[in-house]
Amino acid sequence: MKTVIIDYGSGNLHSALKCFQKVANLNKKGDVLLTSDAQIVRSADKIVLPGVGSFNDCLNGIKSNKDLFFCLSDRVLKQGVPFLGICVGLQLLADYGHENVKNTQGLGWISGDVTRIIPKDVTIKIPHMGWNSMIFDREHLLTKNLTKDDDMYFVHSYHFQLQDIENRLAYVDYSGKLTAIVARGNICGTQFHPEKSQKAGQIFIENFLNWSP
């Protein structure tokens, strides 16, 4: 099995690569590669799209490599390859991102909008940064062996407001419900960083590598 982590200039992806490689090695799940090469993506069994920075910059980074962008869409939407978006990689799945006073069209793979977190409690700090436990909407293979006591690491100022709440697997209560995990068909995403979430994050990665939607 081959898992690829998409490199489109979104930042330092070393921690994601090392963590996925560690989990894949422990579970005998083949190779994990960091790449921007569409030819390698065409042979991938799993695809991971990380994201660090703004919605606009990350989207432009992907679209600047046209071969990679069209290959990614073909593999995920037409061929059904299991896909995971992380942090901004999750947010890019939305119809629109509303960041930096811009309405930027997203990938549109899961309907919804990415908007700034506006807490009900003015004492709540933004960005939402640090460890937080999740509340699960329903059971799913991606959340197998995870419990409400497992904290994940978050850092974000914008959140994914889903059009269809049935696509949400879990949320966190941070002065309101913030989407933590989404899944629809072969597409999933996390607002938290599993590669920075220690044991709980490694459990999620293992679930993704075992996932066959």
N, C-alpha and C. Protein backbone atom coordinates (compact mmCIF):
# COMPACT_ATOMS: atom_id res chain seq x y z
N MET A 1 0.85 -1.19 0.00
CA MET A 1 0.00 0.00 0.00
C MET A 1 0.89 1.24 0.00
N LYS A 2 0.43 2.29 -0.70
CA LYS A 2 1.18 3.54 -0.77
C LYS A 2 0.28 4.69 -0.33
N THR A 3 0.74 5.41 0.68
CA THR A 3 0.05 6.61 1.15
C THR A 3 0.88 7.81 0.74
N VAL A 4 0.25 8.82 0.13
CA VAL A 4 0.98 10.03 -0.25
C VAL A 4 0.47 11.22 0.54
N ILE A 5 1.39 12.04 1.00
CA ILE A 5 1.09 13.32 1.63
C ILE A 5 1.40 14.40 0.61
N ILE A 6 0.40 15.19 0.26
CA ILE A 6 0.56 16.18 -0.80
C ILE A 6 1.37 17.37 -0.31
N ASP A 7 2.44 17.66 -1.04
CA ASP A 7 3.31 18.80 -0.75
C ASP A 7 3.02 19.90 -1.77
N TYR A 8 2.38 20.97 -1.30
CA TYR A 8 2.09 22.08 -2.22
C TYR A 8 2.59 23.40 -1.62
N GLY A 9 3.64 23.30 -0.79
CA GLY A 9 4.25 24.49 -0.23
C GLY A 9 3.49 25.09 0.92
N SER A 10 2.73 24.27 1.67
CA SER A 10 1.90 24.79 2.77
C SER A 10 2.66 24.97 4.07
N GLY A 11 3.92 24.58 4.12
CA GLY A 11 4.67 24.72 5.36
C GLY A 11 5.49 23.48 5.64
N ASN A 12 6.01 23.39 6.84
CA ASN A 12 6.85 22.26 7.24
C ASN A 12 5.99 21.02 7.45
N LEU A 13 6.15 20.03 6.59
CA LEU A 13 5.34 18.82 6.65
C LEU A 13 6.11 17.65 7.25
N HIS A 14 7.28 17.93 7.80
CA HIS A 14 8.14 16.88 8.31
C HIS A 14 7.46 16.07 9.42
N SER A 15 6.77 16.77 10.34
CA SER A 15 6.14 16.06 11.47
C SER A 15 5.02 15.14 10.98
N ALA A 16 4.26 15.59 9.98
CA ALA A 16 3.19 14.75 9.44
C ALA A 16 3.77 13.52 8.76
N LEU A 17 4.81 13.72 7.96
CA LEU A 17 5.44 12.60 7.27
C LEU A 17 5.97 11.58 8.26
N LYS A 18 6.71 12.04 9.27
CA LYS A 18 7.31 11.12 10.24
C LYS A 18 6.25 10.36 11.02
N CYS A 19 5.17 11.03 11.42
CA CYS A 19 4.13 10.37 12.20
C CYS A 19 3.40 9.32 11.36
N PHE A 20 3.04 9.66 10.13
CA PHE A 20 2.36 8.70 9.26
C PHE A 20 3.27 7.51 8.95
N GLN A 21 4.56 7.79 8.74
CA GLN A 21 5.50 6.69 8.50
C GLN A 21 5.59 5.77 9.71
N LYS A 22 5.63 6.34 10.90
CA LYS A 22 5.72 5.54 12.12
C LYS A 22 4.51 4.62 12.26
N VAL A 23 3.31 5.19 12.08
CA VAL A 23 2.09 4.39 12.22
C VAL A 23 2.01 3.33 11.13
N ALA A 24 2.37 3.70 9.90
CA ALA A 24 2.34 2.73 8.79
C ALA A 24 3.31 1.59 9.04
N ASN A 25 4.49 1.89 9.55
CA ASN A 25 5.48 0.85 9.83
C ASN A 25 5.00 -0.09 10.93
N LEU A 26 4.42 0.47 11.99
CA LEU A 26 3.94 -0.34 13.10
C LEU A 26 2.82 -1.29 12.69
N ASN A 27 2.03 -0.86 11.72
CA ASN A 27 0.87 -1.64 11.29
C ASN A 27 1.07 -2.32 9.94
N LYS A 28 2.30 -2.27 9.43
CA LYS A 28 2.64 -2.91 8.16
C LYS A 28 1.70 -2.45 7.04
N LYS A 29 1.61 -1.11 6.92
CA LYS A 29 0.72 -0.50 5.93
C LYS A 29 1.49 0.17 4.79
N GLY A 30 2.63 -0.40 4.45
CA GLY A 30 3.34 0.05 3.27
C GLY A 30 4.10 1.34 3.44
N ASP A 31 4.27 2.06 2.32
CA ASP A 31 5.11 3.24 2.28
C ASP A 31 4.29 4.52 2.42
N VAL A 32 4.92 5.54 3.00
CA VAL A 32 4.34 6.88 3.07
C VAL A 32 5.31 7.84 2.41
N LEU A 33 4.83 8.60 1.41
CA LEU A 33 5.69 9.49 0.64
C LEU A 33 5.15 10.91 0.67
N LEU A 34 6.06 11.87 0.73
CA LEU A 34 5.71 13.28 0.59
C LEU A 34 6.01 13.68 -0.84
N THR A 35 5.01 14.21 -1.56
CA THR A 35 5.22 14.46 -2.98
C THR A 35 4.35 15.58 -3.53
N SER A 36 4.83 16.20 -4.60
CA SER A 36 4.05 17.14 -5.39
C SER A 36 3.92 16.63 -6.82
N ASP A 37 4.34 15.38 -7.03
CA ASP A 37 4.38 14.76 -8.35
C ASP A 37 3.07 14.05 -8.65
N ALA A 38 2.36 14.53 -9.67
CA ALA A 38 1.06 13.95 -10.03
C ALA A 38 1.19 12.48 -10.40
N GLN A 39 2.30 12.09 -10.99
CA GLN A 39 2.50 10.69 -11.38
C GLN A 39 2.50 9.78 -10.16
N ILE A 40 3.09 10.22 -9.07
CA ILE A 40 3.11 9.42 -7.85
C ILE A 40 1.71 9.37 -7.24
N VAL A 41 1.00 10.48 -7.28
CA VAL A 41 -0.37 10.53 -6.74
C VAL A 41 -1.27 9.57 -7.51
N ARG A 42 -1.01 9.39 -8.79
CA ARG A 42 -1.84 8.50 -9.61
C ARG A 42 -1.75 7.04 -9.16
N SER A 43 -0.69 6.68 -8.45
CA SER A 43 -0.54 5.30 -7.99
C SER A 43 -0.80 5.14 -6.50
N ALA A 44 -1.32 6.21 -5.86
CA ALA A 44 -1.52 6.18 -4.40
C ALA A 44 -2.77 5.39 -4.02
N ASP A 45 -2.69 4.73 -2.88
CA ASP A 45 -3.84 4.03 -2.31
C ASP A 45 -4.57 4.88 -1.28
N LYS A 46 -3.86 5.83 -0.69
CA LYS A 46 -4.43 6.79 0.27
C LYS A 46 -3.80 8.15 -0.02
N ILE A 47 -4.59 9.21 0.15
CA ILE A 47 -4.11 10.56 -0.11
C ILE A 47 -4.38 11.43 1.11
N VAL A 48 -3.36 12.17 1.54
CA VAL A 48 -3.47 13.07 2.69
C VAL A 48 -3.13 14.48 2.23
N LEU A 49 -4.02 15.42 2.55
CA LEU A 49 -3.80 16.83 2.21
C LEU A 49 -3.70 17.64 3.50
N PRO A 50 -2.47 17.98 3.92
CA PRO A 50 -2.31 18.81 5.11
C PRO A 50 -2.54 20.28 4.76
N GLY A 51 -2.45 21.15 5.73
CA GLY A 51 -2.62 22.57 5.45
C GLY A 51 -2.18 23.42 6.61
N VAL A 52 -1.31 24.38 6.33
CA VAL A 52 -0.86 25.34 7.33
C VAL A 52 -0.90 26.72 6.69
N GLY A 53 -1.57 27.68 7.33
CA GLY A 53 -1.65 29.02 6.78
C GLY A 53 -3.08 29.40 6.44
N SER A 54 -3.24 30.31 5.49
CA SER A 54 -4.57 30.81 5.15
C SER A 54 -5.24 29.94 4.09
N PHE A 55 -6.56 29.98 4.08
CA PHE A 55 -7.38 29.26 3.10
C PHE A 55 -6.94 29.63 1.69
N ASN A 56 -6.82 30.94 1.44
CA ASN A 56 -6.49 31.42 0.09
C ASN A 56 -5.14 30.93 -0.37
N ASP A 57 -4.13 31.06 0.50
CA ASP A 57 -2.77 30.67 0.12
C ASP A 57 -2.67 29.17 -0.16
N CYS A 58 -3.34 28.37 0.69
CA CYS A 58 -3.28 26.92 0.49
C CYS A 58 -3.97 26.51 -0.80
N LEU A 59 -5.13 27.10 -1.08
CA LEU A 59 -5.84 26.77 -2.30
C LEU A 59 -5.04 27.17 -3.53
N ASN A 60 -4.44 28.36 -3.48
CA ASN A 60 -3.62 28.81 -4.61
C ASN A 60 -2.40 27.92 -4.79
N GLY A 61 -1.86 27.42 -3.67
CA GLY A 61 -0.71 26.52 -3.74
C GLY A 61 -1.04 25.24 -4.49
N ILE A 62 -2.22 24.70 -4.25
CA ILE A 62 -2.64 23.48 -4.95
C ILE A 62 -2.89 23.78 -6.43
N LYS A 63 -3.63 24.85 -6.70
CA LYS A 63 -4.01 25.15 -8.08
C LYS A 63 -2.83 25.58 -8.93
N SER A 64 -1.75 26.02 -8.30
CA SER A 64 -0.58 26.44 -9.07
C SER A 64 0.10 25.27 -9.77
N ASN A 65 -0.12 24.07 -9.24
CA ASN A 65 0.38 22.85 -9.88
C ASN A 65 -0.81 22.18 -10.57
N LYS A 66 -1.07 22.54 -11.81
CA LYS A 66 -2.29 22.11 -12.49
C LYS A 66 -2.38 20.59 -12.62
N ASP A 67 -1.27 19.95 -12.95
CA ASP A 67 -1.28 18.49 -13.07
C ASP A 67 -1.67 17.85 -11.75
N LEU A 68 -1.11 18.34 -10.66
CA LEU A 68 -1.41 17.80 -9.35
C LEU A 68 -2.87 18.05 -8.99
N PHE A 69 -3.37 19.25 -9.25
CA PHE A 69 -4.74 19.62 -8.91
C PHE A 69 -5.74 18.72 -9.63
N PHE A 70 -5.58 18.55 -10.93
CA PHE A 70 -6.53 17.73 -11.70
C PHE A 70 -6.39 16.24 -11.36
N CYS A 71 -5.17 15.81 -11.09
CA CYS A 71 -4.95 14.42 -10.69
C CYS A 71 -5.62 14.14 -9.34
N LEU A 72 -5.48 15.07 -8.43
CA LEU A 72 -6.08 14.93 -7.10
C LEU A 72 -7.60 14.79 -7.21
N SER A 73 -8.22 15.65 -7.98
CA SER A 73 -9.67 15.60 -8.16
C SER A 73 -10.12 14.29 -8.81
N ASP A 74 -9.37 13.85 -9.81
CA ASP A 74 -9.71 12.62 -10.52
C ASP A 74 -9.60 11.41 -9.59
N ARG A 75 -8.52 11.33 -8.83
CA ARG A 75 -8.30 10.18 -7.96
C ARG A 75 -9.32 10.10 -6.84
N VAL A 76 -9.67 11.26 -6.28
CA VAL A 76 -10.59 11.27 -5.13
C VAL A 76 -12.05 11.19 -5.58
N LEU A 77 -12.45 12.04 -6.52
CA LEU A 77 -13.86 12.13 -6.89
C LEU A 77 -14.31 11.04 -7.85
N LYS A 78 -13.46 10.66 -8.79
CA LYS A 78 -13.86 9.67 -9.80
C LYS A 78 -13.44 8.25 -9.44
N GLN A 79 -12.25 8.10 -8.84
CA GLN A 79 -11.74 6.77 -8.55
C GLN A 79 -11.94 6.33 -7.10
N GLY A 80 -12.39 7.25 -6.26
CA GLY A 80 -12.77 6.88 -4.90
C GLY A 80 -11.63 6.53 -3.96
N VAL A 81 -10.45 7.09 -4.19
CA VAL A 81 -9.32 6.83 -3.31
C VAL A 81 -9.58 7.48 -1.95
N PRO A 82 -9.37 6.79 -0.84
CA PRO A 82 -9.58 7.38 0.49
C PRO A 82 -8.72 8.62 0.68
N PHE A 83 -9.36 9.70 1.13
CA PHE A 83 -8.72 11.01 1.23
C PHE A 83 -8.90 11.58 2.63
N LEU A 84 -7.82 12.17 3.14
CA LEU A 84 -7.86 12.84 4.45
C LEU A 84 -7.31 14.25 4.31
N GLY A 85 -8.11 15.24 4.72
CA GLY A 85 -7.65 16.62 4.80
C GLY A 85 -7.40 16.99 6.25
N ILE A 86 -6.28 17.66 6.53
CA ILE A 86 -5.91 18.02 7.89
C ILE A 86 -5.87 19.53 8.05
N CYS A 87 -6.55 20.06 9.07
CA CYS A 87 -6.59 21.48 9.41
C CYS A 87 -7.10 22.29 8.20
N VAL A 88 -6.27 23.12 7.59
CA VAL A 88 -6.73 23.85 6.41
C VAL A 88 -7.05 22.88 5.27
N GLY A 89 -6.40 21.73 5.26
CA GLY A 89 -6.72 20.69 4.28
C GLY A 89 -8.16 20.23 4.41
N LEU A 90 -8.69 20.22 5.63
CA LEU A 90 -10.12 19.95 5.86
C LEU A 90 -10.95 21.13 5.34
N GLN A 91 -10.56 22.34 5.69
CA GLN A 91 -11.35 23.51 5.33
C GLN A 91 -11.47 23.71 3.83
N LEU A 92 -10.45 23.29 3.09
CA LEU A 92 -10.48 23.44 1.63
C LEU A 92 -11.57 22.59 0.99
N LEU A 93 -12.11 21.61 1.72
CA LEU A 93 -13.19 20.79 1.19
C LEU A 93 -14.48 21.57 1.01
N ALA A 94 -14.59 22.71 1.68
CA ALA A 94 -15.82 23.50 1.70
C ALA A 94 -16.11 24.17 0.36
N ASP A 95 -17.34 24.71 0.25
CA ASP A 95 -17.71 25.47 -0.94
C ASP A 95 -16.98 26.80 -1.00
N TYR A 96 -16.93 27.49 0.16
CA TYR A 96 -16.29 28.80 0.21
C TYR A 96 -15.54 28.98 1.53
N GLY A 97 -14.44 29.74 1.43
CA GLY A 97 -13.73 30.18 2.61
C GLY A 97 -13.83 31.69 2.72
N HIS A 98 -14.14 32.19 3.91
CA HIS A 98 -14.34 33.63 4.11
C HIS A 98 -13.23 34.14 5.04
N GLU A 99 -12.04 34.25 4.49
CA GLU A 99 -10.88 34.65 5.27
C GLU A 99 -10.23 35.86 4.63
N ASN A 100 -9.72 36.76 5.46
CA ASN A 100 -9.06 37.98 4.98
C ASN A 100 -9.99 38.81 4.09
N VAL A 101 -11.24 38.89 4.50
CA VAL A 101 -12.27 39.67 3.80
C VAL A 101 -12.41 39.24 2.34
N LYS A 102 -12.20 37.96 2.10
CA LYS A 102 -12.35 37.42 0.75
C LYS A 102 -13.30 36.23 0.79
N ASN A 103 -14.06 36.09 -0.27
CA ASN A 103 -14.89 34.91 -0.45
C ASN A 103 -14.22 34.05 -1.52
N THR A 104 -13.49 33.06 -1.06
CA THR A 104 -12.71 32.22 -1.97
C THR A 104 -13.41 30.89 -2.18
N GLN A 105 -13.62 30.52 -3.43
CA GLN A 105 -14.26 29.25 -3.73
C GLN A 105 -13.32 28.11 -3.38
N GLY A 106 -13.85 27.15 -2.58
CA GLY A 106 -13.06 25.99 -2.19
C GLY A 106 -13.23 24.84 -3.18
N LEU A 107 -12.83 23.66 -2.75
CA LEU A 107 -12.95 22.48 -3.61
C LEU A 107 -14.41 22.06 -3.81
N GLY A 108 -15.24 22.33 -2.81
CA GLY A 108 -16.66 21.98 -2.91
C GLY A 108 -16.94 20.50 -2.82
N TRP A 109 -16.07 19.75 -2.14
CA TRP A 109 -16.27 18.31 -2.03
C TRP A 109 -17.23 17.96 -0.89
N ILE A 110 -17.31 18.80 0.11
CA ILE A 110 -18.30 18.65 1.18
C ILE A 110 -18.91 20.04 1.41
N SER A 111 -20.22 20.16 1.26
CA SER A 111 -20.87 21.48 1.25
C SER A 111 -20.80 22.17 2.61
N GLY A 112 -20.49 23.46 2.54
CA GLY A 112 -20.43 24.28 3.74
C GLY A 112 -19.51 25.46 3.52
N ASP A 113 -19.35 26.28 4.55
CA ASP A 113 -18.52 27.48 4.48
C ASP A 113 -17.55 27.51 5.64
N VAL A 114 -16.39 28.08 5.39
CA VAL A 114 -15.39 28.25 6.44
C VAL A 114 -15.43 29.71 6.88
N THR A 115 -15.79 29.93 8.14
CA THR A 115 -15.96 31.28 8.66
C THR A 115 -15.15 31.46 9.95
N ARG A 116 -14.94 32.70 10.32
CA ARG A 116 -14.18 33.00 11.52
C ARG A 116 -14.94 32.52 12.76
N ILE A 117 -14.22 31.99 13.73
CA ILE A 117 -14.82 31.58 15.00
C ILE A 117 -15.20 32.84 15.77
N ILE A 118 -16.49 32.95 16.10
CA ILE A 118 -16.98 34.07 16.91
C ILE A 118 -17.55 33.49 18.19
N PRO A 119 -16.79 33.49 19.28
CA PRO A 119 -17.25 32.85 20.52
C PRO A 119 -18.41 33.60 21.17
N LYS A 120 -19.29 32.84 21.79
CA LYS A 120 -20.40 33.44 22.52
C LYS A 120 -19.91 34.12 23.79
N ASP A 121 -18.82 33.59 24.34
CA ASP A 121 -18.22 34.13 25.55
C ASP A 121 -17.01 34.98 25.15
N VAL A 122 -17.05 36.28 25.47
CA VAL A 122 -15.99 37.20 25.03
C VAL A 122 -14.65 36.91 25.70
N THR A 123 -14.65 36.10 26.76
CA THR A 123 -13.39 35.76 27.42
C THR A 123 -12.66 34.61 26.72
N ILE A 124 -13.34 33.95 25.80
CA ILE A 124 -12.73 32.85 25.05
C ILE A 124 -11.74 33.41 24.04
N LYS A 125 -10.53 32.86 24.06
CA LYS A 125 -9.48 33.36 23.18
C LYS A 125 -9.54 32.71 21.79
N ILE A 126 -9.26 33.52 20.80
CA ILE A 126 -9.12 33.07 19.42
C ILE A 126 -7.71 33.44 18.97
N PRO A 127 -6.93 32.55 18.37
CA PRO A 127 -7.35 31.24 17.85
C PRO A 127 -7.64 30.21 18.94
N HIS A 128 -8.41 29.21 18.54
CA HIS A 128 -8.62 28.02 19.36
C HIS A 128 -7.32 27.22 19.27
N MET A 129 -6.55 27.25 20.34
CA MET A 129 -5.23 26.64 20.31
C MET A 129 -5.02 25.77 21.53
N GLY A 130 -4.57 24.54 21.29
CA GLY A 130 -4.25 23.63 22.38
C GLY A 130 -5.06 22.35 22.33
N TRP A 131 -5.13 21.69 23.47
CA TRP A 131 -5.73 20.36 23.55
C TRP A 131 -7.21 20.47 23.89
N ASN A 132 -8.01 19.64 23.22
CA ASN A 132 -9.45 19.65 23.47
C ASN A 132 -10.02 18.26 23.19
N SER A 133 -10.99 17.87 24.00
CA SER A 133 -11.66 16.58 23.81
C SER A 133 -12.82 16.75 22.82
N MET A 134 -13.18 15.66 22.20
CA MET A 134 -14.23 15.68 21.18
C MET A 134 -15.53 15.07 21.70
N ILE A 135 -16.62 15.50 21.10
CA ILE A 135 -17.94 14.92 21.34
C ILE A 135 -18.35 14.25 20.03
N PHE A 136 -18.65 12.96 20.08
CA PHE A 136 -18.89 12.19 18.87
C PHE A 136 -20.37 12.22 18.50
N ASP A 137 -20.63 12.45 17.21
CA ASP A 137 -22.00 12.45 16.70
C ASP A 137 -22.51 11.04 16.43
N ARG A 138 -21.63 10.17 15.98
CA ARG A 138 -22.02 8.80 15.64
C ARG A 138 -20.78 7.93 15.55
N GLU A 139 -21.00 6.64 15.54
CA GLU A 139 -19.88 5.70 15.42
C GLU A 139 -19.40 5.63 13.97
N HIS A 140 -18.11 5.42 13.81
CA HIS A 140 -17.52 5.33 12.48
C HIS A 140 -16.19 4.61 12.61
N LEU A 141 -15.77 3.94 11.56
CA LEU A 141 -14.48 3.24 11.59
C LEU A 141 -13.31 4.20 11.82
N LEU A 142 -13.47 5.46 11.41
CA LEU A 142 -12.39 6.43 11.60
C LEU A 142 -12.19 6.83 13.06
N THR A 143 -13.21 6.60 13.89
CA THR A 143 -13.10 6.97 15.30
C THR A 143 -13.03 5.74 16.21
N LYS A 144 -12.79 4.59 15.63
CA LYS A 144 -12.66 3.35 16.40
C LYS A 144 -11.57 3.50 17.47
N ASN A 145 -11.87 3.06 18.67
CA ASN A 145 -10.95 3.07 19.82
C ASN A 145 -10.62 4.47 20.34
N LEU A 146 -11.33 5.49 19.87
CA LEU A 146 -11.20 6.82 20.43
C LEU A 146 -12.37 7.09 21.38
N THR A 147 -12.11 7.81 22.46
CA THR A 147 -13.16 8.11 23.45
C THR A 147 -13.20 9.61 23.73
N LYS A 148 -14.20 10.01 24.50
CA LYS A 148 -14.36 11.42 24.86
C LYS A 148 -13.21 11.92 25.73
N ASP A 149 -12.43 11.01 26.27
CA ASP A 149 -11.29 11.38 27.11
C ASP A 149 -10.00 11.58 26.31
N ASP A 150 -10.05 11.32 25.00
CA ASP A 150 -8.86 11.47 24.16
C ASP A 150 -8.81 12.90 23.61
N ASP A 151 -7.82 13.65 24.05
CA ASP A 151 -7.66 15.03 23.58
C ASP A 151 -6.85 15.08 22.29
N MET A 152 -7.25 16.00 21.42
CA MET A 152 -6.53 16.25 20.18
C MET A 152 -6.01 17.68 20.18
N TYR A 153 -4.99 17.93 19.36
CA TYR A 153 -4.37 19.26 19.34
C TYR A 153 -4.94 20.10 18.19
N PHE A 154 -5.44 21.28 18.56
CA PHE A 154 -6.06 22.20 17.60
C PHE A 154 -5.29 23.52 17.56
N VAL A 155 -5.28 24.15 16.40
CA VAL A 155 -4.83 25.54 16.28
C VAL A 155 -5.49 26.13 15.03
N HIS A 156 -6.53 26.96 15.27
CA HIS A 156 -7.26 27.55 14.14
C HIS A 156 -8.12 28.71 14.61
N SER A 157 -8.35 29.64 13.70
CA SER A 157 -9.22 30.79 13.95
C SER A 157 -10.50 30.74 13.13
N TYR A 158 -10.54 29.81 12.17
CA TYR A 158 -11.70 29.63 11.31
C TYR A 158 -12.20 28.20 11.44
N HIS A 159 -13.50 28.01 11.20
CA HIS A 159 -14.06 26.67 11.35
C HIS A 159 -15.02 26.36 10.21
N PHE A 160 -15.25 25.07 10.02
CA PHE A 160 -16.06 24.55 8.91
C PHE A 160 -17.51 24.44 9.38
N GLN A 161 -18.37 25.29 8.83
CA GLN A 161 -19.81 25.22 9.11
C GLN A 161 -20.45 24.38 8.01
N LEU A 162 -20.83 23.18 8.37
CA LEU A 162 -21.34 22.22 7.40
C LEU A 162 -22.78 22.52 7.00
N GLN A 163 -23.07 22.32 5.72
CA GLN A 163 -24.45 22.46 5.26
C GLN A 163 -25.29 21.28 5.73
N ASP A 164 -24.70 20.09 5.72
CA ASP A 164 -25.38 18.88 6.16
C ASP A 164 -24.66 18.31 7.38
N ILE A 165 -25.28 18.40 8.53
CA ILE A 165 -24.65 17.97 9.78
C ILE A 165 -24.40 16.46 9.79
N GLU A 166 -25.04 15.72 8.90
CA GLU A 166 -24.81 14.27 8.81
C GLU A 166 -23.38 13.96 8.38
N ASN A 167 -22.70 14.94 7.81
CA ASN A 167 -21.31 14.73 7.40
C ASN A 167 -20.32 14.93 8.55
N ARG A 168 -20.82 15.29 9.72
CA ARG A 168 -19.94 15.51 10.88
C ARG A 168 -19.88 14.26 11.74
N LEU A 169 -18.65 13.85 12.08
CA LEU A 169 -18.45 12.71 12.99
C LEU A 169 -18.21 13.15 14.41
N ALA A 170 -17.62 14.34 14.59
CA ALA A 170 -17.30 14.80 15.94
C ALA A 170 -17.12 16.32 15.94
N TYR A 171 -17.33 16.91 17.12
CA TYR A 171 -17.11 18.34 17.28
C TYR A 171 -16.49 18.60 18.65
N VAL A 172 -16.00 19.82 18.84
CA VAL A 172 -15.52 20.24 20.15
C VAL A 172 -16.39 21.39 20.62
N ASP A 173 -16.57 21.49 21.92
CA ASP A 173 -17.33 22.59 22.51
C ASP A 173 -16.34 23.67 22.94
N TYR A 174 -16.24 24.71 22.14
CA TYR A 174 -15.36 25.83 22.45
C TYR A 174 -16.18 27.10 22.29
N SER A 175 -17.01 27.35 23.30
CA SER A 175 -18.00 28.43 23.25
C SER A 175 -18.87 28.29 21.99
N GLY A 176 -19.29 27.07 21.75
CA GLY A 176 -20.06 26.71 20.57
C GLY A 176 -19.49 25.46 19.95
N LYS A 177 -20.25 24.85 19.07
CA LYS A 177 -19.83 23.60 18.45
C LYS A 177 -18.93 23.87 17.24
N LEU A 178 -17.68 23.42 17.33
CA LEU A 178 -16.74 23.56 16.22
C LEU A 178 -16.46 22.18 15.62
N THR A 179 -16.64 22.07 14.32
CA THR A 179 -16.44 20.79 13.64
C THR A 179 -15.02 20.28 13.85
N ALA A 180 -14.92 18.99 14.24
CA ALA A 180 -13.61 18.37 14.49
C ALA A 180 -13.27 17.31 13.45
N ILE A 181 -14.28 16.50 13.06
CA ILE A 181 -14.06 15.46 12.05
C ILE A 181 -15.25 15.44 11.10
N VAL A 182 -14.99 15.35 9.81
CA VAL A 182 -16.05 15.16 8.82
C VAL A 182 -15.75 13.91 8.00
N ALA A 183 -16.81 13.33 7.45
CA ALA A 183 -16.65 12.18 6.56
C ALA A 183 -17.85 12.07 5.65
N ARG A 184 -17.57 11.89 4.37
CA ARG A 184 -18.62 11.63 3.38
C ARG A 184 -18.03 10.75 2.30
N GLY A 185 -18.58 9.55 2.15
CA GLY A 185 -18.04 8.62 1.17
C GLY A 185 -16.59 8.30 1.48
N ASN A 186 -15.72 8.50 0.50
CA ASN A 186 -14.29 8.21 0.66
C ASN A 186 -13.49 9.42 1.14
N ILE A 187 -14.19 10.51 1.49
CA ILE A 187 -13.54 11.76 1.86
C ILE A 187 -13.72 12.03 3.35
N CYS A 188 -12.62 12.34 4.04
CA CYS A 188 -12.72 12.70 5.45
C CYS A 188 -11.74 13.83 5.75
N GLY A 189 -11.92 14.46 6.89
CA GLY A 189 -11.02 15.54 7.28
C GLY A 189 -11.08 15.79 8.77
N THR A 190 -9.99 16.33 9.30
CA THR A 190 -9.92 16.67 10.73
C THR A 190 -9.48 18.12 10.88
N GLN A 191 -10.11 18.83 11.82
CA GLN A 191 -9.65 20.17 12.14
C GLN A 191 -8.40 20.11 13.02
N PHE A 192 -8.30 19.08 13.83
CA PHE A 192 -7.11 18.90 14.66
C PHE A 192 -5.96 18.33 13.84
N HIS A 193 -4.78 18.39 14.42
CA HIS A 193 -3.59 17.82 13.80
C HIS A 193 -3.31 16.45 14.41
N PRO A 194 -3.65 15.36 13.73
CA PRO A 194 -3.39 14.04 14.31
C PRO A 194 -1.91 13.78 14.53
N GLU A 195 -1.07 14.35 13.68
CA GLU A 195 0.38 14.13 13.79
C GLU A 195 0.97 14.81 15.02
N LYS A 196 0.22 15.75 15.62
CA LYS A 196 0.69 16.45 16.83
C LYS A 196 -0.11 16.03 18.07
N SER A 197 -0.98 15.04 17.90
CA SER A 197 -1.91 14.66 18.97
C SER A 197 -1.50 13.38 19.69
N GLN A 198 -0.23 13.03 19.61
CA GLN A 198 0.34 11.92 20.36
C GLN A 198 -0.45 10.62 20.14
N LYS A 199 -0.70 9.86 21.19
CA LYS A 199 -1.28 8.52 21.04
C LYS A 199 -2.65 8.56 20.37
N ALA A 200 -3.51 9.50 20.79
CA ALA A 200 -4.85 9.58 20.21
C ALA A 200 -4.78 9.89 18.71
N GLY A 201 -3.86 10.78 18.34
CA GLY A 201 -3.70 11.09 16.92
C GLY A 201 -3.20 9.91 16.13
N GLN A 202 -2.33 9.11 16.73
CA GLN A 202 -1.82 7.92 16.05
C GLN A 202 -2.92 6.87 15.88
N ILE A 203 -3.84 6.81 16.83
CA ILE A 203 -4.99 5.90 16.68
C ILE A 203 -5.83 6.33 15.48
N PHE A 204 -6.06 7.64 15.36
CA PHE A 204 -6.84 8.12 14.22
C PHE A 204 -6.13 7.81 12.90
N ILE A 205 -4.83 8.04 12.84
CA ILE A 205 -4.07 7.74 11.62
C ILE A 205 -4.15 6.26 11.28
N GLU A 206 -4.02 5.41 12.29
CA GLU A 206 -4.15 3.97 12.07
C GLU A 206 -5.52 3.64 11.50
N ASN A 207 -6.56 4.25 12.04
CA ASN A 207 -7.92 4.03 11.52
C ASN A 207 -8.03 4.43 10.07
N PHE A 208 -7.42 5.58 9.74
CA PHE A 208 -7.48 6.04 8.34
C PHE A 208 -6.75 5.06 7.42
N LEU A 209 -5.60 4.59 7.84
CA LEU A 209 -4.84 3.65 6.99
C LEU A 209 -5.57 2.32 6.83
N ASN A 210 -6.41 1.96 7.80
CA ASN A 210 -7.20 0.72 7.73
C ASN A 210 -8.54 0.92 7.01
N TRP A 211 -8.92 2.17 6.78
CA TRP A 211 -10.25 2.52 6.27
C TRP A 211 -10.40 2.16 4.80
N SER A 212 -11.45 1.43 4.49
CA SER A 212 -11.79 1.08 3.10
C SER A 212 -13.25 1.41 2.83
N PRO A 213 -13.53 2.67 2.55
CA PRO A 213 -14.94 3.10 2.34
C PRO A 213 -15.56 2.48 1.08
